[in-house]
Amino acid sequence: MGRRIFCTGIPHFAISIALERDGEIVAGVIYDPTRDEMFWAEKGAGAYVNEHRLRVSARRGLGDAVIGTGIPFRGRGDPSLLSRCARRGHVGDGRGASARAAALDLAYVAAWAL
C-alpha cells in the first residue's frame, strides 16, 4: 500500500524498521522523510520523536482519546463497528490507516496523545 501512495504523489508515507532479538521486538524506527521526523523506541529506553520524549497520556476516558485503526476490508471484520463507536461519542478522534502509512499513523497517535 505504501508504494502505491508514494507513486501517486500523496505525501503520507514512511520507512519503518524493527529490531528483533531472540524472537522479541526490542527497538523500532519510523521515519517520515517529508517532515524529517524520526519516531523511535527501544525497550527499556522509552519512545521519542526526534529528540523529544513521548510520555503516557493522562487522559482517562476513551471519549478524550485519539485512536489508530485500520478499516476492515475484503469481507474481514465488521466495518460498521468503528462508525458506531464514533457516532456514540466513545472516541475523541481517529486516525484511519486504510489508505495511508499505518506505521506513521500509529506513531502520530502516540505523539498526539500527550
PDB file of N, CA and C in Angstrom:
ATOM      1  N   MET A   1       0.831  -1.192   0.000  1.00  0.00           N
ATOM      2  CA  MET A   1       0.000   0.000   0.000  1.00  0.00           C
ATOM      3  C   MET A   1       0.871   1.250   0.000  1.00  0.00           C
ATOM      4  N   GLY A   2       1.929   1.297   0.802  1.00  0.00           N
ATOM      5  CA  GLY A   2       2.767   2.478   0.896  1.00  0.00           C
ATOM      6  C   GLY A   2       3.385   2.882  -0.430  1.00  0.00           C
ATOM      7  N   ARG A   3       3.840   1.917  -1.209  1.00  0.00           N
ATOM      8  CA  ARG A   3       4.450   2.211  -2.504  1.00  0.00           C
ATOM      9  C   ARG A   3       3.441   2.846  -3.435  1.00  0.00           C
ATOM     10  N   ARG A   4       2.209   2.338  -3.445  1.00  0.00           N
ATOM     11  CA  ARG A   4       1.169   2.884  -4.307  1.00  0.00           C
ATOM     12  C   ARG A   4       0.881   4.331  -3.932  1.00  0.00           C
ATOM     13  N   ILE A   5       0.825   4.648  -2.641  1.00  0.00           N
ATOM     14  CA  ILE A   5       0.580   6.018  -2.197  1.00  0.00           C
ATOM     15  C   ILE A   5       1.739   6.909  -2.612  1.00  0.00           C
ATOM     16  N   PHE A   6       2.972   6.467  -2.412  1.00  0.00           N
ATOM     17  CA  PHE A   6       4.143   7.244  -2.799  1.00  0.00           C
ATOM     18  C   PHE A   6       4.112   7.553  -4.290  1.00  0.00           C
ATOM     19  N   CYS A   7       3.810   6.560  -5.103  1.00  0.00           N
ATOM     20  CA  CYS A   7       3.809   6.735  -6.556  1.00  0.00           C
ATOM     21  C   CYS A   7       2.710   7.672  -7.044  1.00  0.00           C
ATOM     22  N   THR A   8       1.638   7.814  -6.294  1.00  0.00           N
ATOM     23  CA  THR A   8       0.559   8.710  -6.705  1.00  0.00           C
ATOM     24  C   THR A   8       0.796  10.140  -6.238  1.00  0.00           C
ATOM     25  N   GLY A   9       1.851  10.370  -5.466  1.00  0.00           N
ATOM     26  CA  GLY A   9       2.173  11.712  -5.034  1.00  0.00           C
ATOM     27  C   GLY A   9       1.542  12.135  -3.725  1.00  0.00           C
ATOM     28  N   ILE A  10       0.833  11.243  -3.041  1.00  0.00           N
ATOM     29  CA  ILE A  10       0.268  11.574  -1.740  1.00  0.00           C
ATOM     30  C   ILE A  10       1.420  11.570  -0.739  1.00  0.00           C
ATOM     31  N   PRO A  11       1.682  12.708  -0.085  1.00  0.00           N
ATOM     32  CA  PRO A  11       2.879  12.804   0.764  1.00  0.00           C
ATOM     33  C   PRO A  11       2.692  12.209   2.153  1.00  0.00           C
ATOM     34  N   HIS A  12       2.163  11.009   2.226  1.00  0.00           N
ATOM     35  CA  HIS A  12       1.978  10.346   3.516  1.00  0.00           C
ATOM     36  C   HIS A  12       2.534   8.925   3.387  1.00  0.00           C
ATOM     37  N   PHE A  13       3.826   8.815   3.649  1.00  0.00           N
ATOM     38  CA  PHE A  13       4.499   7.527   3.586  1.00  0.00           C
ATOM     39  C   PHE A  13       5.630   7.558   4.601  1.00  0.00           C
ATOM     40  N   ALA A  14       6.167   6.404   4.916  1.00  0.00           N
ATOM     41  CA  ALA A  14       7.223   6.335   5.919  1.00  0.00           C
ATOM     42  C   ALA A  14       8.085   5.107   5.680  1.00  0.00           C
ATOM     43  N   ILE A  15       9.217   5.133   6.318  1.00  0.00           N
ATOM     44  CA  ILE A  15      10.116   3.984   6.362  1.00  0.00           C
ATOM     45  C   ILE A  15      10.038   3.450   7.787  1.00  0.00           C
ATOM     46  N   SER A  16       9.749   2.169   7.944  1.00  0.00           N
ATOM     47  CA  SER A  16       9.664   1.600   9.291  1.00  0.00           C
ATOM     48  C   SER A  16      10.529   0.349   9.380  1.00  0.00           C
ATOM     49  N   ILE A  17      11.269   0.287  10.476  1.00  0.00           N
ATOM     50  CA  ILE A  17      12.200  -0.819  10.708  1.00  0.00           C
ATOM     51  C   ILE A  17      12.077  -1.262  12.160  1.00  0.00           C
ATOM     52  N   ALA A  18      12.087  -2.555  12.381  1.00  0.00           N
ATOM     53  CA  ALA A  18      12.070  -3.095  13.744  1.00  0.00           C
ATOM     54  C   ALA A  18      13.290  -3.984  13.937  1.00  0.00           C
ATOM     55  N   LEU A  19      13.753  -4.059  15.166  1.00  0.00           N
ATOM     56  CA  LEU A  19      14.856  -4.943  15.522  1.00  0.00           C
ATOM     57  C   LEU A  19      14.308  -6.046  16.412  1.00  0.00           C
ATOM     58  N   GLU A  20      14.481  -7.273  15.953  1.00  0.00           N
ATOM     59  CA  GLU A  20      14.035  -8.436  16.714  1.00  0.00           C
ATOM     60  C   GLU A  20      15.264  -9.166  17.241  1.00  0.00           C
ATOM     61  N   ARG A  21      15.218  -9.472  18.530  1.00  0.00           N
ATOM     62  CA  ARG A  21      16.327 -10.214  19.146  1.00  0.00           C
ATOM     63  C   ARG A  21      15.730 -11.379  19.928  1.00  0.00           C
ATOM     64  N   ASP A  22      16.133 -12.588  19.599  1.00  0.00           N
ATOM     65  CA  ASP A  22      15.645 -13.792  20.278  1.00  0.00           C
ATOM     66  C   ASP A  22      14.118 -13.875  20.273  1.00  0.00           C
ATOM     67  N   GLY A  23      13.507 -13.523  19.142  1.00  0.00           N
ATOM     68  CA  GLY A  23      12.059 -13.631  18.991  1.00  0.00           C
ATOM     69  C   GLY A  23      11.259 -12.500  19.610  1.00  0.00           C
ATOM     70  N   GLU A  24      11.923 -11.449  20.091  1.00  0.00           N
ATOM     71  CA  GLU A  24      11.236 -10.330  20.730  1.00  0.00           C
ATOM     72  C   GLU A  24      11.624  -9.022  20.033  1.00  0.00           C
ATOM     73  N   ILE A  25      10.633  -8.164  19.731  1.00  0.00           N
ATOM     74  CA  ILE A  25      10.912  -6.847  19.166  1.00  0.00           C
ATOM     75  C   ILE A  25      11.478  -5.976  20.284  1.00  0.00           C
ATOM     76  N   VAL A  26      12.680  -5.440  20.088  1.00  0.00           N
ATOM     77  CA  VAL A  26      13.333  -4.653  21.139  1.00  0.00           C
ATOM     78  C   VAL A  26      13.560  -3.194  20.747  1.00  0.00           C
ATOM     79  N   ALA A  27      13.383  -2.859  19.473  1.00  0.00           N
ATOM     80  CA  ALA A  27      13.556  -1.474  19.035  1.00  0.00           C
ATOM     81  C   ALA A  27      12.821  -1.273  17.720  1.00  0.00           C
ATOM     82  N   GLY A  28      12.443  -0.035  17.469  1.00  0.00           N
ATOM     83  CA  GLY A  28      11.779   0.286  16.222  1.00  0.00           C
ATOM     84  C   GLY A  28      11.992   1.737  15.834  1.00  0.00           C
ATOM     85  N   VAL A  29      11.964   1.979  14.532  1.00  0.00           N
ATOM     86  CA  VAL A  29      12.136   3.318  13.988  1.00  0.00           C
ATOM     87  C   VAL A  29      11.095   3.520  12.891  1.00  0.00           C
ATOM     88  N   ILE A  30      10.464   4.688  12.899  1.00  0.00           N
ATOM     89  CA  ILE A  30       9.566   5.103  11.820  1.00  0.00           C
ATOM     90  C   ILE A  30      10.042   6.476  11.389  1.00  0.00           C
ATOM     91  N   TYR A  31      10.410   6.613  10.120  1.00  0.00           N
ATOM     92  CA  TYR A  31      10.933   7.888   9.621  1.00  0.00           C
ATOM     93  C   TYR A  31       9.994   8.454   8.569  1.00  0.00           C
ATOM     94  N   ASP A  32       9.601   9.708   8.762  1.00  0.00           N
ATOM     95  CA  ASP A  32       8.775  10.444   7.805  1.00  0.00           C
ATOM     96  C   ASP A  32       9.685  11.434   7.080  1.00  0.00           C
ATOM     97  N   PRO A  33      10.127  11.105   5.864  1.00  0.00           N
ATOM     98  CA  PRO A  33      11.067  11.984   5.160  1.00  0.00           C
ATOM     99  C   PRO A  33      10.460  13.310   4.732  1.00  0.00           C
ATOM    100  N   THR A  34       9.143  13.382   4.577  1.00  0.00           N
ATOM    101  CA  THR A  34       8.542  14.647   4.153  1.00  0.00           C
ATOM    102  C   THR A  34       8.572  15.688   5.257  1.00  0.00           C
ATOM    103  N   ARG A  35       8.607  15.263   6.512  1.00  0.00           N
ATOM    104  CA  ARG A  35       8.648  16.187   7.656  1.00  0.00           C
ATOM    105  C   ARG A  35       9.955  16.078   8.442  1.00  0.00           C
ATOM    106  N   ASP A  36      10.835  15.200   8.002  1.00  0.00           N
ATOM    107  CA  ASP A  36      12.087  14.933   8.710  1.00  0.00           C
ATOM    108  C   ASP A  36      11.831  14.630  10.187  1.00  0.00           C
ATOM    109  N   GLU A  37      10.849  13.750  10.431  1.00  0.00           N
ATOM    110  CA  GLU A  37      10.525  13.320  11.790  1.00  0.00           C
ATOM    111  C   GLU A  37      10.901  11.852  11.959  1.00  0.00           C
ATOM    112  N   MET A  38      11.612  11.572  13.033  1.00  0.00           N
ATOM    113  CA  MET A  38      12.020  10.211  13.351  1.00  0.00           C
ATOM    114  C   MET A  38      11.354   9.809  14.665  1.00  0.00           C
ATOM    115  N   PHE A  39      10.467   8.832  14.586  1.00  0.00           N
ATOM    116  CA  PHE A  39       9.850   8.242  15.769  1.00  0.00           C
ATOM    117  C   PHE A  39      10.668   6.998  16.083  1.00  0.00           C
ATOM    118  N   TRP A  40      11.073   6.844  17.329  1.00  0.00           N
ATOM    119  CA  TRP A  40      11.868   5.668  17.665  1.00  0.00           C
ATOM    120  C   TRP A  40      11.635   5.273  19.110  1.00  0.00           C
ATOM    121  N   ALA A  41      11.825   3.998  19.348  1.00  0.00           N
ATOM    122  CA  ALA A  41      11.655   3.454  20.696  1.00  0.00           C
ATOM    123  C   ALA A  41      12.599   2.276  20.869  1.00  0.00           C
ATOM    124  N   GLU A  42      13.033   2.110  22.103  1.00  0.00           N
ATOM    125  CA  GLU A  42      13.875   0.972  22.454  1.00  0.00           C
ATOM    126  C   GLU A  42      13.393   0.429  23.786  1.00  0.00           C
ATOM    127  N   LYS A  43      13.283  -0.873  23.864  1.00  0.00           N
ATOM    128  CA  LYS A  43      12.830  -1.499  25.102  1.00  0.00           C
ATOM    129  C   LYS A  43      13.698  -1.032  26.272  1.00  0.00           C
ATOM    130  N   GLY A  44      13.042  -0.498  27.298  1.00  0.00           N
ATOM    131  CA  GLY A  44      13.737  -0.019  28.470  1.00  0.00           C
ATOM    132  C   GLY A  44      14.266   1.405  28.366  1.00  0.00           C
ATOM    133  N   ALA A  45      14.154   2.031  27.180  1.00  0.00           N
ATOM    134  CA  ALA A  45      14.705   3.379  26.986  1.00  0.00           C
ATOM    135  C   ALA A  45      13.640   4.416  26.643  1.00  0.00           C
ATOM    136  N   GLY A  46      12.401   3.999  26.458  1.00  0.00           N
ATOM    137  CA  GLY A  46      11.334   4.950  26.147  1.00  0.00           C
ATOM    138  C   GLY A  46      11.116   5.132  24.654  1.00  0.00           C
ATOM    139  N   ALA A  47      10.230   6.079  24.350  1.00  0.00           N
ATOM    140  CA  ALA A  47       9.868   6.397  22.965  1.00  0.00           C
ATOM    141  C   ALA A  47      10.076   7.882  22.719  1.00  0.00           C
ATOM    142  N   TYR A  48      10.471   8.217  21.494  1.00  0.00           N
ATOM    143  CA  TYR A  48      10.827   9.590  21.154  1.00  0.00           C
ATOM    144  C   TYR A  48      10.322   9.937  19.763  1.00  0.00           C
ATOM    145  N   VAL A  49      10.137  11.237  19.537  1.00  0.00           N
ATOM    146  CA  VAL A  49      10.009  11.780  18.190  1.00  0.00           C
ATOM    147  C   VAL A  49      11.139  12.795  18.089  1.00  0.00           C
ATOM    148  N   ASN A  50      12.071  12.541  17.176  1.00  0.00           N
ATOM    149  CA  ASN A  50      13.342  13.263  17.108  1.00  0.00           C
ATOM    150  C   ASN A  50      13.972  13.215  18.497  1.00  0.00           C
ATOM    151  N   GLU A  51      14.239  14.337  19.141  1.00  0.00           N
ATOM    152  CA  GLU A  51      14.865  14.290  20.468  1.00  0.00           C
ATOM    153  C   GLU A  51      13.872  14.461  21.613  1.00  0.00           C
ATOM    154  N   HIS A  52      12.579  14.579  21.300  1.00  0.00           N
ATOM    155  CA  HIS A  52      11.561  14.807  22.329  1.00  0.00           C
ATOM    156  C   HIS A  52      10.978  13.484  22.834  1.00  0.00           C
ATOM    157  N   ARG A  53      11.002  13.301  24.142  1.00  0.00           N
ATOM    158  CA  ARG A  53      10.486  12.079  24.766  1.00  0.00           C
ATOM    159  C   ARG A  53       8.968  12.059  24.711  1.00  0.00           C
ATOM    160  N   LEU A  54       8.406  10.917  24.366  1.00  0.00           N
ATOM    161  CA  LEU A  54       6.963  10.729  24.409  1.00  0.00           C
ATOM    162  C   LEU A  54       6.595  10.155  25.765  1.00  0.00           C
ATOM    163  N   ARG A  55       5.487  10.584  26.303  1.00  0.00           N
ATOM    164  CA  ARG A  55       5.037  10.137  27.620  1.00  0.00           C
ATOM    165  C   ARG A  55       3.646   9.544  27.508  1.00  0.00           C
ATOM    166  N   VAL A  56       3.270   8.752  28.472  1.00  0.00           N
ATOM    167  CA  VAL A  56       1.927   8.194  28.537  1.00  0.00           C
ATOM    168  C   VAL A  56       0.956   9.328  28.841  1.00  0.00           C
ATOM    169  N   SER A  57      -0.153   9.339  28.146  1.00  0.00           N
ATOM    170  CA  SER A  57      -1.161  10.379  28.330  1.00  0.00           C
ATOM    171  C   SER A  57      -1.873  10.234  29.672  1.00  0.00           C
ATOM    172  N   ALA A  58      -2.295  11.356  30.222  1.00  0.00           N
ATOM    173  CA  ALA A  58      -3.065  11.359  31.471  1.00  0.00           C
ATOM    174  C   ALA A  58      -4.567  11.264  31.195  1.00  0.00           C
ATOM    175  N   ARG A  59      -4.961  11.194  29.943  1.00  0.00           N
ATOM    176  CA  ARG A  59      -6.380  11.108  29.606  1.00  0.00           C
ATOM    177  C   ARG A  59      -6.962   9.820  30.147  1.00  0.00           C
ATOM    178  N   ARG A  60      -8.155   9.919  30.727  1.00  0.00           N
ATOM    179  CA  ARG A  60      -8.783   8.757  31.366  1.00  0.00           C
ATOM    180  C   ARG A  60      -9.909   8.160  30.530  1.00  0.00           C
ATOM    181  N   GLY A  61     -10.639   8.986  29.803  1.00  0.00           N
ATOM    182  CA  GLY A  61     -11.805   8.497  29.070  1.00  0.00           C
ATOM    183  C   GLY A  61     -11.518   8.264  27.602  1.00  0.00           C
ATOM    184  N   LEU A  62     -12.117   7.235  27.046  1.00  0.00           N
ATOM    185  CA  LEU A  62     -11.942   6.933  25.630  1.00  0.00           C
ATOM    186  C   LEU A  62     -12.458   8.074  24.762  1.00  0.00           C
ATOM    187  N   GLY A  63     -13.459   8.814  25.249  1.00  0.00           N
ATOM    188  CA  GLY A  63     -14.000   9.942  24.501  1.00  0.00           C
ATOM    189  C   GLY A  63     -13.011  11.077  24.325  1.00  0.00           C
ATOM    190  N   ASP A  64     -11.973  11.117  25.149  1.00  0.00           N
ATOM    191  CA  ASP A  64     -10.931  12.137  25.043  1.00  0.00           C
ATOM    192  C   ASP A  64      -9.710  11.626  24.284  1.00  0.00           C
ATOM    193  N   ALA A  65      -9.752  10.399  23.873  1.00  0.00           N
ATOM    194  CA  ALA A  65      -8.574   9.759  23.291  1.00  0.00           C
ATOM    195  C   ALA A  65      -8.545   9.879  21.775  1.00  0.00           C
ATOM    196  N   VAL A  66      -7.358   9.717  21.248  1.00  0.00           N
ATOM    197  CA  VAL A  66      -7.137   9.560  19.811  1.00  0.00           C
ATOM    198  C   VAL A  66      -6.752   8.103  19.612  1.00  0.00           C
ATOM    199  N   ILE A  67      -7.382   7.453  18.654  1.00  0.00           N
ATOM    200  CA  ILE A  67      -7.049   6.056  18.402  1.00  0.00           C
ATOM    201  C   ILE A  67      -6.572   5.887  16.970  1.00  0.00           C
ATOM    202  N   GLY A  68      -5.853   4.822  16.725  1.00  0.00           N
ATOM    203  CA  GLY A  68      -5.439   4.464  15.380  1.00  0.00           C
ATOM    204  C   GLY A  68      -6.057   3.125  15.043  1.00  0.00           C
ATOM    205  N   THR A  69      -6.608   3.031  13.871  1.00  0.00           N
ATOM    206  CA  THR A  69      -7.251   1.779  13.480  1.00  0.00           C
ATOM    207  C   THR A  69      -7.199   1.598  11.975  1.00  0.00           C
ATOM    208  N   GLY A  70      -7.224   0.367  11.566  1.00  0.00           N
ATOM    209  CA  GLY A  70      -7.402   0.045  10.158  1.00  0.00           C
ATOM    210  C   GLY A  70      -8.866  -0.258   9.917  1.00  0.00           C
ATOM    211  N   ILE A  71      -9.337   0.060   8.737  1.00  0.00           N
ATOM    212  CA  ILE A  71     -10.718  -0.227   8.384  1.00  0.00           C
ATOM    213  C   ILE A  71     -10.754  -1.629   7.758  1.00  0.00           C
ATOM    214  N   PRO A  72     -11.590  -2.533   8.281  1.00  0.00           N
ATOM    215  CA  PRO A  72     -11.662  -3.874   7.699  1.00  0.00           C
ATOM    216  C   PRO A  72     -12.057  -3.823   6.218  1.00  0.00           C
ATOM    217  N   PHE A  73     -11.490  -4.702   5.434  1.00  0.00           N
ATOM    218  CA  PHE A  73     -11.820  -4.749   4.014  1.00  0.00           C
ATOM    219  C   PHE A  73     -11.799  -6.188   3.531  1.00  0.00           C
ATOM    220  N   ARG A  74     -12.283  -6.372   2.326  1.00  0.00           N
ATOM    221  CA  ARG A  74     -12.337  -7.695   1.696  1.00  0.00           C
ATOM    222  C   ARG A  74     -13.084  -8.717   2.545  1.00  0.00           C
ATOM    223  N   GLY A  75     -14.184  -8.280   3.157  1.00  0.00           N
ATOM    224  CA  GLY A  75     -15.026  -9.205   3.894  1.00  0.00           C
ATOM    225  C   GLY A  75     -14.525  -9.576   5.272  1.00  0.00           C
ATOM    226  N   ARG A  76     -13.474  -8.936   5.734  1.00  0.00           N
ATOM    227  CA  ARG A  76     -12.927  -9.247   7.058  1.00  0.00           C
ATOM    228  C   ARG A  76     -13.447  -8.251   8.084  1.00  0.00           C
ATOM    229  N   GLY A  77     -13.799  -8.743   9.247  1.00  0.00           N
ATOM    230  CA  GLY A  77     -14.194  -7.863  10.339  1.00  0.00           C
ATOM    231  C   GLY A  77     -15.528  -7.182  10.115  1.00  0.00           C
ATOM    232  N   ASP A  78     -15.836  -6.246  10.983  1.00  0.00           N
ATOM    233  CA  ASP A  78     -17.099  -5.518  10.949  1.00  0.00           C
ATOM    234  C   ASP A  78     -16.802  -4.034  10.777  1.00  0.00           C
ATOM    235  N   PRO A  79     -16.842  -3.499   9.533  1.00  0.00           N
ATOM    236  CA  PRO A  79     -16.504  -2.089   9.323  1.00  0.00           C
ATOM    237  C   PRO A  79     -17.476  -1.134   9.997  1.00  0.00           C
ATOM    238  N   SER A  80     -18.666  -1.591  10.339  1.00  0.00           N
ATOM    239  CA  SER A  80     -19.629  -0.697  10.975  1.00  0.00           C
ATOM    240  C   SER A  80     -19.327  -0.479  12.453  1.00  0.00           C
ATOM    241  N   LEU A  81     -18.508  -1.342  13.064  1.00  0.00           N
ATOM    242  CA  LEU A  81     -18.208  -1.217  14.492  1.00  0.00           C
ATOM    243  C   LEU A  81     -17.523   0.110  14.802  1.00  0.00           C
ATOM    244  N   LEU A  82     -16.528   0.496  14.013  1.00  0.00           N
ATOM    245  CA  LEU A  82     -15.820   1.756  14.247  1.00  0.00           C
ATOM    246  C   LEU A  82     -16.762   2.939  14.096  1.00  0.00           C
ATOM    247  N   SER A  83     -17.596   2.937  13.065  1.00  0.00           N
ATOM    248  CA  SER A  83     -18.502   4.064  12.864  1.00  0.00           C
ATOM    249  C   SER A  83     -19.543   4.137  13.976  1.00  0.00           C
ATOM    250  N   ARG A  84     -19.991   3.004  14.489  1.00  0.00           N
ATOM    251  CA  ARG A  84     -20.947   3.021  15.611  1.00  0.00           C
ATOM    252  C   ARG A  84     -20.307   3.623  16.859  1.00  0.00           C
ATOM    253  N   CYS A  85     -19.055   3.254  17.142  1.00  0.00           N
ATOM    254  CA  CYS A  85     -18.345   3.817  18.299  1.00  0.00           C
ATOM    255  C   CYS A  85     -18.168   5.319  18.138  1.00  0.00           C
ATOM    256  N   ALA A  86     -17.799   5.766  16.954  1.00  0.00           N
ATOM    257  CA  ALA A  86     -17.584   7.194  16.722  1.00  0.00           C
ATOM    258  C   ALA A  86     -18.894   7.969  16.859  1.00  0.00           C
ATOM    259  N   ARG A  87     -19.991   7.434  16.312  1.00  0.00           N
ATOM    260  CA  ARG A  87     -21.294   8.117  16.404  1.00  0.00           C
ATOM    261  C   ARG A  87     -21.762   8.244  17.838  1.00  0.00           C
ATOM    262  N   ARG A  88     -21.448   7.272  18.650  1.00  0.00           N
ATOM    263  CA  ARG A  88     -21.891   7.287  20.054  1.00  0.00           C
ATOM    264  C   ARG A  88     -20.975   8.119  20.941  1.00  0.00           C
ATOM    265  N   GLY A  89     -19.923   8.681  20.367  1.00  0.00           N
ATOM    266  CA  GLY A  89     -19.025   9.536  21.144  1.00  0.00           C
ATOM    267  C   GLY A  89     -18.048   8.779  22.013  1.00  0.00           C
ATOM    268  N   HIS A  90     -17.833   7.489  21.715  1.00  0.00           N
ATOM    269  CA  HIS A  90     -16.893   6.703  22.523  1.00  0.00           C
ATOM    270  C   HIS A  90     -15.439   7.070  22.234  1.00  0.00           C
ATOM    271  N   VAL A  91     -15.194   7.701  21.098  1.00  0.00           N
ATOM    272  CA  VAL A  91     -13.837   8.002  20.677  1.00  0.00           C
ATOM    273  C   VAL A  91     -13.734   9.492  20.370  1.00  0.00           C
ATOM    274  N   GLY A  92     -12.678  10.139  20.879  1.00  0.00           N
ATOM    275  CA  GLY A  92     -12.494  11.560  20.633  1.00  0.00           C
ATOM    276  C   GLY A  92     -12.106  11.856  19.198  1.00  0.00           C
ATOM    277  N   ASP A  93     -11.164  11.094  18.637  1.00  0.00           N
ATOM    278  CA  ASP A  93     -10.699  11.299  17.275  1.00  0.00           C
ATOM    279  C   ASP A  93     -10.066  10.001  16.805  1.00  0.00           C
ATOM    280  N   GLY A  94     -10.075   9.783  15.515  1.00  0.00           N
ATOM    281  CA  GLY A  94      -9.494   8.565  14.971  1.00  0.00           C
ATOM    282  C   GLY A  94      -8.571   8.864  13.822  1.00  0.00           C
ATOM    283  N   ARG A  95      -7.596   8.036  13.643  1.00  0.00           N
ATOM    284  CA  ARG A  95      -6.664   8.128  12.531  1.00  0.00           C
ATOM    285  C   ARG A  95      -6.727   6.803  11.795  1.00  0.00           C
ATOM    286  N   GLY A  96      -7.517   6.748  10.746  1.00  0.00           N
ATOM    287  CA  GLY A  96      -7.655   5.519   9.969  1.00  0.00           C
ATOM    288  C   GLY A  96      -6.445   5.280   9.103  1.00  0.00           C
ATOM    289  N   ALA A  97      -6.129   4.039   8.919  1.00  0.00           N
ATOM    290  CA  ALA A  97      -4.933   3.684   8.152  1.00  0.00           C
ATOM    291  C   ALA A  97      -5.282   2.891   6.905  1.00  0.00           C
ATOM    292  N   SER A  98      -6.489   3.072   6.393  1.00  0.00           N
ATOM    293  CA  SER A  98      -6.912   2.226   5.292  1.00  0.00           C
ATOM    294  C   SER A  98      -6.206   2.553   3.985  1.00  0.00           C
ATOM    295  N   ALA A  99      -5.800   3.796   3.766  1.00  0.00           N
ATOM    296  CA  ALA A  99      -5.158   4.142   2.504  1.00  0.00           C
ATOM    297  C   ALA A  99      -3.909   4.980   2.734  1.00  0.00           C
ATOM    298  N   ARG A 100      -3.294   4.801   3.893  1.00  0.00           N
ATOM    299  CA  ARG A 100      -2.140   5.619   4.210  1.00  0.00           C
ATOM    300  C   ARG A 100      -1.074   4.757   4.856  1.00  0.00           C
ATOM    301  N   ALA A 101      -0.058   5.393   5.382  1.00  0.00           N
ATOM    302  CA  ALA A 101       1.035   4.674   6.032  1.00  0.00           C
ATOM    303  C   ALA A 101       0.628   4.337   7.465  1.00  0.00           C
ATOM    304  N   ALA A 102       0.245   3.097   7.701  1.00  0.00           N
ATOM    305  CA  ALA A 102      -0.263   2.688   9.014  1.00  0.00           C
ATOM    306  C   ALA A 102       0.765   2.925  10.122  1.00  0.00           C
ATOM    307  N   ALA A 103       2.028   2.613   9.881  1.00  0.00           N
ATOM    308  CA  ALA A 103       3.058   2.811  10.903  1.00  0.00           C
ATOM    309  C   ALA A 103       3.155   4.282  11.289  1.00  0.00           C
ATOM    310  N   LEU A 104       3.085   5.172  10.312  1.00  0.00           N
ATOM    311  CA  LEU A 104       3.167   6.603  10.588  1.00  0.00           C
ATOM    312  C   LEU A 104       1.915   7.087  11.321  1.00  0.00           C
ATOM    313  N   ASP A 105       0.745   6.599  10.922  1.00  0.00           N
ATOM    314  CA  ASP A 105      -0.494   6.961  11.626  1.00  0.00           C
ATOM    315  C   ASP A 105      -0.414   6.576  13.105  1.00  0.00           C
ATOM    316  N   LEU A 106       0.081   5.385  13.387  1.00  0.00           N
ATOM    317  CA  LEU A 106       0.180   4.942  14.777  1.00  0.00           C
ATOM    318  C   LEU A 106       1.233   5.732  15.546  1.00  0.00           C
ATOM    319  N   ALA A 107       2.316   6.143  14.881  1.00  0.00           N
ATOM    320  CA  ALA A 107       3.315   6.989  15.535  1.00  0.00           C
ATOM    321  C   ALA A 107       2.704   8.339  15.894  1.00  0.00           C
ATOM    322  N   TYR A 108       1.880   8.886  15.010  1.00  0.00           N
ATOM    323  CA  TYR A 108       1.204  10.157  15.295  1.00  0.00           C
ATOM    324  C   TYR A 108       0.238  10.002  16.469  1.00  0.00           C
ATOM    325  N   VAL A 109      -0.461   8.890  16.556  1.00  0.00           N
ATOM    326  CA  VAL A 109      -1.352   8.669  17.696  1.00  0.00           C
ATOM    327  C   VAL A 109      -0.543   8.736  18.999  1.00  0.00           C
ATOM    328  N   ALA A 110       0.624   8.108  19.022  1.00  0.00           N
ATOM    329  CA  ALA A 110       1.470   8.152  20.226  1.00  0.00           C
ATOM    330  C   ALA A 110       1.924   9.575  20.531  1.00  0.00           C
ATOM    331  N   ALA A 111       2.297  10.324  19.526  1.00  0.00           N
ATOM    332  CA  ALA A 111       2.802  11.686  19.734  1.00  0.00           C
ATOM    333  C   ALA A 111       1.669  12.641  20.130  1.00  0.00           C
ATOM    334  N   TRP A 112       0.467  12.470  19.570  1.00  0.00           N
ATOM    335  CA  TRP A 112      -0.651  13.384  19.849  1.00  0.00           C
ATOM    336  C   TRP A 112      -1.341  13.063  21.153  1.00  0.00           C
ATOM    337  N   ALA A 113      -1.029  11.928  21.740  1.00  0.00           N
ATOM    338  CA  ALA A 113      -1.718  11.512  22.972  1.00  0.00           C
ATOM    339  C   ALA A 113      -1.258  12.310  24.190  1.00  0.00           C
ATOM    340  N   LEU A 114      -0.307  13.179  24.016  1.00  0.00           N
ATOM    341  CA  LEU A 114       0.269  13.922  25.148  1.00  0.00           C
ATOM    342  C   LEU A 114      -0.713  14.870  25.784  1.00  0.00           C
TER     343      LEU A 114
END
